[in-house]
């Protein structure tokens, strides 16, 4: 017989609570294999492709593109035994199904409760209630208790109400946040196109399924008078706060109001660094390498952190400790179409200038494509934000949560500068360092910033570190 399984949205990163469905790579009727990519989702950290855990045939997609789904809520139904034998006649099949029900087990039939409290279904029939999808019942299903005969008898068909009269689902408005409205994909698409919230409707179809007529009726119904007062036409647009934007906002608020920020500034003549860059770009070993000022800044930050390890430490409030790290996982703030992300260059302190340049280029490419994995954005130790690429001179960057320092690299400009008592045109750059004053004292922060500036102003100083 067919075996229907529902795949719940997994937690692809520690602490993930929800994700948005971006693109389905399968549709109902498609045959899928184990580990085949079936959907792309956007979490609070990145876009992630999810593989299929089973082989079989897709029977329904339980979430539409653009829909935000909580972790643990089913998003797809798959028949894992599409070539199974045909179902036996009801009179013969009923006795076999009665025994496991009496023991609180599940036969996996359509309409019955599956392990974990899910309901085996075909199309659009998700969990019957919030409680059912959260946990399995400890005793036998209520329907089995009511309809089971008092004593064993000759094999007969079970009472019709068990299948023919299922309990209607609760009104969507009363369901928890993970409730999936009972509606087929075409109806969900129609509701999305018309701006109708399916959770606000009560379905008129079998088992409370929302129909096309229900959606069209909701559109035809007159809107309350209060709604007409907030219609601003095309002069405003509203975008839901979700995904990367939601996570970034929460992280910045938590950081700004947890760690006491201090920001210091330094203007640097980086002409020697730019001259060295020009020479290295022509060197055979750097041929084909995208050698940017950011690579030099990254190397300077790593070297300077050796002399001031406090900037590479973490304040652990729970343990009442400062954690000093003998490695550098360098974060690079990157602007992407989905918002700000901070991927890491792992063990950057072990890399040469060339290796850093290659790693930074690869990191930027992956970030722009929205393919940075959640793991690549966790556990950083110190961050650089390159505001100079936008033509900005400086700023007051907010610490990445869990870190104690972040350096802003400003634009490099031709400006007048005093050299040996004479005004000359030089390559000038501004640096801004924000640090957690619980971990880094003013003297330590100032020393670190001065060291970074000195390494950019005269790269040969690196020989003394």
Protein backbone atom coordinates (compact mmCIF):
# COMPACT_ATOMS: atom_id res chain seq x y z
CA UNK A 1 0.00 0.00 0.00
CA UNK A 2 1.11 3.59 -0.43
CA UNK A 3 3.12 4.96 2.46
CA UNK A 4 2.74 8.71 2.91
CA UNK A 5 5.43 10.60 4.84
CA UNK A 6 5.56 14.30 5.63
CA UNK A 7 8.95 16.00 5.75
CA UNK A 8 9.09 18.69 8.47
CA UNK A 9 11.23 21.81 8.07
CA UNK A 10 14.55 20.91 9.75
CA UNK A 11 16.75 23.11 11.93
CA UNK A 12 19.64 23.81 9.51
CA UNK A 13 21.50 25.98 12.03
CA UNK A 14 21.67 26.14 15.80
CA UNK A 15 18.77 28.17 17.15
CA UNK A 16 16.82 28.38 13.87
CA UNK A 17 13.07 28.81 14.48
CA UNK A 18 11.69 29.51 11.00
CA UNK A 19 12.57 29.83 7.33
CA UNK A 20 11.05 31.15 4.12
CA UNK A 21 10.37 28.87 1.19
CA UNK A 22 12.25 30.32 -1.79
CA UNK A 23 11.98 27.80 -4.62
CA UNK A 24 10.62 24.30 -5.02
CA UNK A 25 12.64 22.06 -7.32
CA UNK A 26 9.90 19.40 -7.46
CA UNK A 27 6.14 19.31 -8.00
CA UNK A 28 3.35 16.85 -7.20
CA UNK A 29 3.77 13.71 -9.27
CA UNK A 30 7.55 13.96 -9.50
CA UNK A 31 9.67 10.94 -8.58
CA UNK A 32 12.42 11.80 -6.08
CA UNK A 33 15.47 9.98 -4.78
CA UNK A 34 17.28 10.08 -1.45
CA UNK A 35 19.41 13.24 -1.08
CA UNK A 36 17.91 14.86 -4.18
CA UNK A 37 17.59 18.63 -3.69
CA UNK A 38 13.88 19.37 -3.44
CA UNK A 39 13.61 22.92 -2.09
CA UNK A 40 15.63 26.06 -1.40
CA UNK A 41 14.83 27.95 1.80
CA UNK A 42 16.08 31.18 3.30
CA UNK A 43 16.87 31.06 6.99
CA UNK A 44 17.91 33.88 9.26
CA UNK A 45 21.48 33.20 8.15
CA UNK A 46 21.53 32.13 4.51
CA UNK A 47 19.84 30.41 1.61
CA UNK A 48 19.99 26.63 2.10
CA UNK A 49 19.13 23.74 -0.22
CA UNK A 50 17.35 20.83 1.47
CA UNK A 51 17.78 17.23 0.28
CA UNK A 52 14.98 14.68 0.28
CA UNK A 53 15.23 12.12 3.12
CA UNK A 54 13.28 9.43 1.23
CA UNK A 55 12.76 8.04 -2.25
CA UNK A 56 9.26 8.06 -3.67
CA UNK A 57 6.69 10.23 -5.41
CA UNK A 58 5.74 13.76 -4.35
CA UNK A 59 2.02 13.94 -3.54
CA UNK A 60 1.79 17.53 -2.26
CA UNK A 61 3.78 20.66 -1.46
CA UNK A 62 2.52 21.97 1.88
CA UNK A 63 4.08 25.44 1.63
CA UNK A 64 4.17 28.01 -1.15
CA UNK A 65 7.21 30.05 -2.28
CA UNK A 66 7.36 33.18 -0.15
CA UNK A 67 5.69 31.49 2.82
CA UNK A 68 7.46 31.52 6.19
CA UNK A 69 7.32 28.16 7.96
CA UNK A 70 8.27 27.25 11.53
CA UNK A 71 10.82 24.51 12.19
CA UNK A 72 9.05 21.19 12.63
CA UNK A 73 6.08 22.04 10.41
CA UNK A 74 5.63 19.64 7.44
CA UNK A 75 6.45 21.18 4.05
CA UNK A 76 6.03 18.24 1.66
CA UNK A 77 4.24 14.88 1.48
CA UNK A 78 5.93 11.93 -0.24
CA UNK A 79 4.57 8.49 -1.06
CA UNK A 80 7.53 6.24 -0.23
CA UNK A 81 5.86 3.10 -1.65
CA UNK A 82 4.13 4.22 -4.85
CA UNK A 83 4.49 0.78 -6.41
CA UNK A 84 2.98 -1.08 -3.46
CA UNK A 85 0.17 -3.59 -3.80
CA UNK A 86 -3.36 -2.31 -4.18
CA UNK A 87 -5.42 -1.87 -1.03
CA UNK A 88 -7.50 -4.97 -0.14
CA UNK A 89 -11.25 -4.84 0.08
CA UNK A 90 -12.49 -2.91 3.16
CA UNK A 91 -14.13 -5.94 4.74
CA UNK A 92 -10.88 -7.91 4.67
CA UNK A 93 -8.58 -5.03 5.55
CA UNK A 94 -10.44 -3.72 8.55
CA UNK A 95 -9.64 -6.52 11.03
CA UNK A 96 -5.91 -6.25 10.28
CA UNK A 97 -5.96 -2.55 11.04
CA UNK A 98 -7.90 -2.91 14.25
CA UNK A 99 -5.19 -4.71 16.20
CA UNK A 100 -2.46 -2.05 15.97
CA UNK A 101 -4.98 0.66 16.79
CA UNK A 102 -5.91 -1.13 19.98
CA UNK A 103 -2.26 -1.07 21.03
CA UNK A 104 -1.84 2.62 20.27
CA UNK A 105 0.25 1.93 17.14
CA UNK A 106 -0.28 3.43 13.72
CA UNK A 107 -1.01 1.54 10.53
CA UNK A 108 0.02 4.47 8.34
CA UNK A 109 -3.39 4.61 6.61
CA UNK A 110 -4.78 7.82 5.23
CA UNK A 111 -6.63 9.66 7.96
CA UNK A 112 -4.91 7.86 10.81
CA UNK A 113 -2.47 9.34 13.31
CA UNK A 114 1.19 8.67 12.47
CA UNK A 115 4.20 8.58 14.87
CA UNK A 116 4.88 12.06 16.22
CA UNK A 117 1.20 12.96 16.04
CA UNK A 118 1.07 13.57 12.27
CA UNK A 119 -1.88 12.48 10.10
CA UNK A 120 -1.27 10.31 7.04
CA UNK A 121 -2.90 12.16 4.15
CA UNK A 122 -2.90 12.68 0.41
CA UNK A 123 -3.39 16.29 -0.65
CA UNK A 124 -3.48 19.38 1.53
CA UNK A 125 -4.45 17.56 4.71
CA UNK A 126 -1.86 18.64 7.25
CA UNK A 127 -1.94 18.07 11.01
CA UNK A 128 -5.43 18.21 12.46
CA UNK A 129 -4.43 20.43 15.37
CA UNK A 130 -1.43 22.14 16.87
CA UNK A 131 -1.18 19.58 19.67
CA UNK A 132 -1.15 16.66 17.27
CA UNK A 133 1.84 17.87 15.33
CA UNK A 134 3.87 18.66 18.47
CA UNK A 135 3.76 15.33 20.24
CA UNK A 136 2.30 11.85 20.00
CA UNK A 137 -0.48 10.78 22.28
CA UNK A 138 0.42 8.46 25.10
CA UNK A 139 -2.81 6.43 24.84
CA UNK A 140 -4.87 5.05 21.99
CA UNK A 141 -6.51 7.50 19.56
CA UNK A 142 -9.83 8.86 20.77
CA UNK A 143 -11.68 7.46 17.76
CA UNK A 144 -10.39 3.97 18.53
CA UNK A 145 -11.57 4.22 22.15
CA UNK A 146 -15.09 5.20 21.14
CA UNK A 147 -15.64 2.75 18.32
CA UNK A 148 -13.72 -0.34 19.48
CA UNK A 149 -16.03 -3.22 20.43
CA UNK A 150 -16.16 -4.33 24.06
CA UNK A 151 -14.91 -7.81 23.21
CA UNK A 152 -13.23 -9.44 20.21
CA UNK A 153 -15.69 -10.67 17.60
CA UNK A 154 -15.69 -12.21 14.18
CA UNK A 155 -13.88 -10.08 11.55
CA UNK A 156 -16.14 -7.28 10.51
CA UNK A 157 -15.61 -3.83 9.03
CA UNK A 158 -14.93 -1.12 11.64
CA UNK A 159 -17.66 1.43 12.30
CA UNK A 160 -17.88 3.98 9.51
CA UNK A 161 -17.36 7.10 11.72
CA UNK A 162 -13.67 6.25 12.18
CA UNK A 163 -12.87 7.24 8.58
CA UNK A 164 -16.02 8.87 7.24
CA UNK A 165 -16.48 11.41 10.01
CA UNK A 166 -13.10 12.80 11.10
CA UNK A 167 -13.01 15.56 13.65
CA UNK A 168 -13.07 18.94 11.94
CA UNK A 169 -9.90 20.99 12.38
CA UNK A 170 -10.02 24.00 14.67
CA UNK A 171 -10.54 27.43 13.20
CA UNK A 172 -7.25 28.66 11.73
CA UNK A 173 -7.30 31.80 13.84
CA UNK A 174 -7.12 29.69 16.98
CA UNK A 175 -4.26 27.51 15.74
CA UNK A 176 -0.65 28.02 16.81
CA UNK A 177 1.90 29.81 14.64
CA UNK A 178 2.93 26.60 12.86
CA UNK A 179 -0.58 25.85 11.55
CA UNK A 180 -0.67 24.99 7.85
CA UNK A 181 -4.08 25.94 6.33
CA UNK A 182 -5.80 23.04 4.59
CA UNK A 183 -5.79 24.05 0.92
CA UNK A 184 -4.45 22.72 -2.35
CA UNK A 185 -1.51 24.52 -4.01
CA UNK A 186 -3.65 26.22 -6.70
CA UNK A 187 -5.89 27.63 -3.99
CA UNK A 188 -2.88 28.80 -1.97
CA UNK A 189 -1.48 30.53 -5.05
CA UNK A 190 -4.83 32.21 -5.74
CA UNK A 191 -4.98 33.45 -2.14
CA UNK A 192 -1.43 34.79 -2.36
CA UNK A 193 -2.17 36.59 -5.64
CA UNK A 194 -5.34 38.14 -4.20
CA UNK A 195 -3.77 39.05 -0.85
CA UNK A 196 -5.99 36.73 1.21
CA UNK A 197 -4.67 35.26 4.46
CA UNK A 198 -5.74 31.60 4.45
CA UNK A 199 -5.37 31.46 8.23
CA UNK A 200 -8.30 33.84 8.52
CA UNK A 201 -10.66 31.58 6.55
CA UNK A 202 -12.77 28.61 7.58
CA UNK A 203 -12.84 26.02 4.80
CA UNK A 204 -16.16 24.82 3.40
CA UNK A 205 -14.70 21.74 1.74
CA UNK A 206 -14.42 18.20 3.16
CA UNK A 207 -12.58 18.12 6.50
CA UNK A 208 -12.43 21.93 6.51
CA UNK A 209 -10.36 22.25 3.34
CA UNK A 210 -10.32 25.82 2.00
CA UNK A 211 -11.69 25.98 -1.55
CA UNK A 212 -11.34 28.43 -4.41
CA UNK A 213 -14.87 29.64 -3.67
CA UNK A 214 -13.87 30.41 -0.05
CA UNK A 215 -11.00 32.61 -1.26
CA UNK A 216 -13.11 34.38 -3.88
CA UNK A 217 -15.84 35.00 -1.31
CA UNK A 218 -13.31 36.57 1.04
CA UNK A 219 -12.25 38.96 -1.71
CA UNK A 220 -15.85 39.83 -2.59
CA UNK A 221 -16.78 40.54 1.02
CA UNK A 222 -16.78 44.28 1.88
CA UNK A 223 -13.74 45.36 3.86
CA UNK A 224 -14.27 46.93 7.30
CA UNK A 225 -14.42 50.70 7.26
CA UNK A 226 -11.26 51.00 9.35
CA UNK A 227 -9.18 49.37 6.61
CA UNK A 228 -10.03 52.03 4.06
CA UNK A 229 -8.34 54.68 6.19
CA UNK A 230 -4.91 53.06 5.88
CA UNK A 231 -4.89 52.53 2.11
CA UNK A 232 -2.04 54.69 0.82
CA UNK A 233 -2.16 53.52 -2.78
CA UNK A 234 1.18 53.19 -4.53
CA UNK A 235 3.03 55.80 -2.45
CA UNK A 236 4.04 53.24 0.16
CA UNK A 237 4.97 49.59 0.13
CA UNK A 238 5.36 47.21 3.02
CA UNK A 239 7.85 44.37 3.12
CA UNK A 240 7.64 41.70 5.86
CA UNK A 241 10.58 41.65 8.24
CA UNK A 242 11.98 38.15 7.89
CA UNK A 243 14.98 36.07 6.91
CA UNK A 244 18.40 37.72 6.95
CA UNK A 245 16.96 41.19 7.58
CA UNK A 246 15.10 40.02 10.70
CA UNK A 247 18.15 38.20 12.08
CA UNK A 248 20.47 41.13 11.38
CA UNK A 249 18.15 43.60 13.08
CA UNK A 250 17.84 41.46 16.19
CA UNK A 251 21.59 40.83 16.34
CA UNK A 252 22.41 44.54 16.04
CA UNK A 253 19.90 45.50 18.75
CA UNK A 254 21.22 42.80 21.08
CA UNK A 255 24.83 43.87 20.48
CA UNK A 256 24.24 47.61 20.75
CA UNK A 257 22.40 47.33 24.04
CA UNK A 258 24.55 44.58 25.60
CA UNK A 259 28.17 45.46 24.87
CA UNK A 260 29.31 49.00 25.76
CA UNK A 261 30.66 50.26 22.43
CA UNK A 262 33.60 52.62 22.07
CA UNK A 263 34.69 53.83 18.62
CA UNK A 264 38.06 55.38 17.78
CA UNK A 265 39.26 56.83 14.47
CA UNK A 266 42.58 57.05 12.69
CA UNK A 267 43.53 58.70 9.37
CA UNK A 268 46.38 56.92 7.60
CA UNK A 269 48.64 57.60 4.62
CA UNK A 270 48.49 54.25 2.85
CA UNK A 271 50.57 55.28 -0.17
CA UNK A 272 53.33 52.72 0.61
CA UNK A 273 50.72 49.94 0.85
CA UNK A 274 49.22 50.89 -2.52
CA UNK A 275 52.69 50.99 -4.09
CA UNK A 276 53.46 47.52 -2.71
CA UNK A 277 50.13 46.29 -4.06
CA UNK A 278 51.02 47.57 -7.54
CA UNK A 279 54.38 45.75 -7.42
CA UNK A 280 52.91 42.49 -6.16
CA UNK A 281 50.19 42.44 -8.82
CA UNK A 282 52.98 42.19 -11.41
CA UNK A 283 54.82 39.44 -9.52
CA UNK A 284 54.51 35.91 -11.01
CA UNK A 285 53.25 34.37 -7.75
CA UNK A 286 50.31 36.83 -7.61
CA UNK A 287 49.32 36.45 -11.26
CA UNK A 288 45.57 35.87 -11.47
CA UNK A 289 45.04 36.80 -7.80
CA UNK A 290 42.57 39.57 -6.99
CA UNK A 291 44.76 41.57 -4.60
CA UNK A 292 42.60 44.25 -2.94
CA UNK A 293 43.27 46.76 -0.16
CA UNK A 294 40.97 44.60 1.97
CA UNK A 295 43.50 41.76 1.80
CA UNK A 296 46.24 44.07 3.16
CA UNK A 297 43.89 45.31 5.88
CA UNK A 298 43.01 41.72 6.83
CA UNK A 299 46.69 40.84 7.15
CA UNK A 300 47.31 43.95 9.26
CA UNK A 301 44.40 43.11 11.59
CA UNK A 302 45.69 39.57 12.09
CA UNK A 303 49.24 40.73 12.87
CA UNK A 304 48.06 43.52 15.18
CA UNK A 305 45.79 41.09 17.09
CA UNK A 306 48.89 39.10 18.08
CA UNK A 307 50.16 42.11 20.01
CA UNK A 308 46.73 42.91 21.49
CA UNK A 309 44.92 39.57 21.96
CA UNK A 310 42.07 41.27 23.86
CA UNK A 311 40.48 42.38 20.58
CA UNK A 312 40.23 38.72 19.59
CA UNK A 313 38.62 37.64 22.87
CA UNK A 314 35.00 37.04 23.91
CA UNK A 315 33.03 38.13 26.97
CA UNK A 316 31.24 35.06 28.38
CA UNK A 317 28.64 36.51 30.73
CA UNK A 318 27.18 33.11 31.64
CA UNK A 319 30.53 31.76 32.85
CA UNK A 320 31.75 35.14 34.11
CA UNK A 321 34.91 34.71 32.03
CA UNK A 322 36.83 36.35 29.19
CA UNK A 323 37.73 33.75 26.57
CA UNK A 324 41.04 34.45 24.77
CA UNK A 325 41.37 32.67 21.42
CA UNK A 326 44.64 31.53 19.89
CA UNK A 327 43.18 31.58 16.40
CA UNK A 328 41.51 34.15 14.17
CA UNK A 329 38.23 33.41 12.41
CA UNK A 330 38.06 36.66 10.49
CA UNK A 331 34.57 37.94 9.69
CA UNK A 332 34.00 40.05 6.59
CA UNK A 333 30.75 42.03 6.51
CA UNK A 334 29.22 41.55 3.06
CA UNK A 335 26.24 43.27 1.47
CA UNK A 336 24.12 40.79 -0.49
CA UNK A 337 20.74 40.96 -2.25
CA UNK A 338 19.25 39.29 0.84
CA UNK A 339 20.84 41.68 3.32
CA UNK A 340 23.97 41.91 5.45
CA UNK A 341 25.85 38.71 6.20
CA UNK A 342 29.20 38.15 7.91
CA UNK A 343 30.92 35.01 6.58
CA UNK A 344 34.22 33.97 8.15
CA UNK A 345 37.68 33.16 6.87
CA UNK A 346 38.58 30.25 9.15
CA UNK A 347 42.07 30.24 10.68
CA UNK A 348 42.97 33.38 8.80
CA UNK A 349 46.03 33.80 11.03
CA UNK A 350 47.62 30.78 9.32
CA UNK A 351 47.30 32.26 5.83
CA UNK A 352 49.80 34.16 3.72
CA UNK A 353 48.80 37.39 2.00
CA UNK A 354 48.15 35.50 -1.22
CA UNK A 355 46.02 32.87 0.52
CA UNK A 356 44.03 35.60 2.26
CA UNK A 357 43.40 37.38 -1.03
CA UNK A 358 42.11 34.17 -2.65
CA UNK A 359 39.94 33.31 0.36
CA UNK A 360 38.42 36.80 0.46
CA UNK A 361 37.58 36.68 -3.25
CA UNK A 362 35.91 33.28 -2.91
CA UNK A 363 34.04 34.40 0.19
CA UNK A 364 32.68 37.49 -1.59
CA UNK A 365 31.56 35.50 -4.63
CA UNK A 366 29.67 32.94 -2.55
CA UNK A 367 28.07 35.67 -0.42
CA UNK A 368 26.85 37.63 -3.45
CA UNK A 369 25.23 34.48 -4.80
CA UNK A 370 23.46 33.97 -1.48
CA UNK A 371 25.10 30.57 -1.05
CA UNK A 372 26.98 31.18 2.20
CA UNK A 373 26.17 28.30 4.53
CA UNK A 374 25.01 28.96 8.11
CA UNK A 375 28.12 27.22 9.44
CA UNK A 376 30.35 29.70 7.59
CA UNK A 377 28.76 32.60 9.48
CA UNK A 378 29.16 31.30 13.02
CA UNK A 379 31.90 31.54 15.65
CA UNK A 380 33.86 34.50 14.33
CA UNK A 381 36.45 36.23 16.50
CA UNK A 382 36.92 39.68 14.91
CA UNK A 383 35.36 41.44 11.91
CA UNK A 384 36.23 43.92 9.15
CA UNK A 385 33.56 45.96 7.36
CA UNK A 386 34.79 47.53 4.12
CA UNK A 387 32.66 50.67 3.80
CA UNK A 388 35.22 52.11 1.40
CA UNK A 389 33.80 50.11 -1.51
CA UNK A 390 30.73 52.37 -1.29
CA UNK A 391 32.84 55.53 -1.34
CA UNK A 392 32.30 56.09 2.40
CA UNK A 393 35.15 57.50 4.49
CA UNK A 394 34.30 56.01 7.88
CA UNK A 395 31.54 55.07 10.31
CA UNK A 396 30.82 53.71 13.78
CA UNK A 397 30.32 49.98 13.17
CA UNK A 398 28.33 47.83 15.60
CA UNK A 399 30.03 44.75 16.97
CA UNK A 400 29.11 41.38 15.57
CA UNK A 401 27.48 39.51 18.51
CA UNK A 402 30.00 37.46 20.46
CA UNK A 403 33.00 39.47 19.27
CA UNK A 404 34.94 42.28 20.93
CA UNK A 405 36.15 44.37 17.97
CA UNK A 406 35.17 45.42 14.46
CA UNK A 407 37.25 47.58 12.11
CA UNK A 408 35.74 49.78 9.40
CA UNK A 409 37.98 50.32 6.36
CA UNK A 410 37.17 53.58 4.59
CA UNK A 411 37.65 54.72 1.01
CA UNK A 412 41.21 55.39 -0.19
CA UNK A 413 41.37 58.90 -1.68
CA UNK A 414 43.98 61.19 -3.21
CA UNK A 415 44.34 63.99 -0.65
CA UNK A 416 46.89 66.65 0.37
CA UNK A 417 49.21 65.36 3.10
CA UNK A 418 52.25 66.81 4.83
CA UNK A 419 55.38 64.76 4.07
CA UNK A 420 58.74 65.98 5.42
CA UNK A 421 57.36 69.49 5.80
CA UNK A 422 55.90 69.64 2.29
CA UNK A 423 52.31 69.21 1.09
CA UNK A 424 52.00 66.32 -1.32
CA UNK A 425 49.14 64.32 -2.83
CA UNK A 426 48.98 60.97 -1.06
CA UNK A 427 46.67 57.95 -0.79
CA UNK A 428 44.69 58.59 2.40
CA UNK A 429 42.35 56.22 4.25
CA UNK A 430 40.33 56.48 7.46
CA UNK A 431 39.97 53.61 9.90
CA UNK A 432 37.33 53.26 12.63
CA UNK A 433 37.55 50.68 15.40
CA UNK A 434 34.60 49.81 17.63
CA UNK A 435 35.33 47.60 20.62
CA UNK A 436 33.63 46.12 23.66
CA UNK A 437 34.81 48.20 26.59
CA UNK A 438 34.15 45.32 28.98
CA UNK A 439 36.97 43.36 27.32
CA UNK A 440 39.14 46.00 25.68
CA UNK A 441 40.41 49.01 27.62
CA UNK A 442 41.06 52.32 25.89
CA UNK A 443 44.81 51.77 25.89
CA UNK A 444 44.47 48.33 24.30
CA UNK A 445 42.01 49.50 21.67
CA UNK A 446 44.17 52.50 20.80
CA UNK A 447 47.30 50.35 20.54
CA UNK A 448 45.58 47.88 18.24
CA UNK A 449 44.24 50.62 15.96
CA UNK A 450 47.66 52.32 15.86
CA UNK A 451 49.31 49.01 14.94
CA UNK A 452 46.88 48.39 12.08
CA UNK A 453 47.48 51.93 10.81
CA UNK A 454 51.25 51.56 11.04
CA UNK A 455 51.20 48.30 9.06
CA UNK A 456 49.14 49.91 6.30
CA UNK A 457 51.28 53.06 6.29
CA UNK A 458 54.54 51.08 6.15
CA UNK A 459 54.07 47.37 5.34
CA UNK A 460 57.75 46.71 6.05
CA UNK A 461 56.98 47.04 9.77
CA UNK A 462 55.45 43.59 9.55
CA UNK A 463 59.02 42.26 9.55
CA UNK A 464 59.31 43.39 13.18
CA UNK A 465 56.15 41.60 14.41
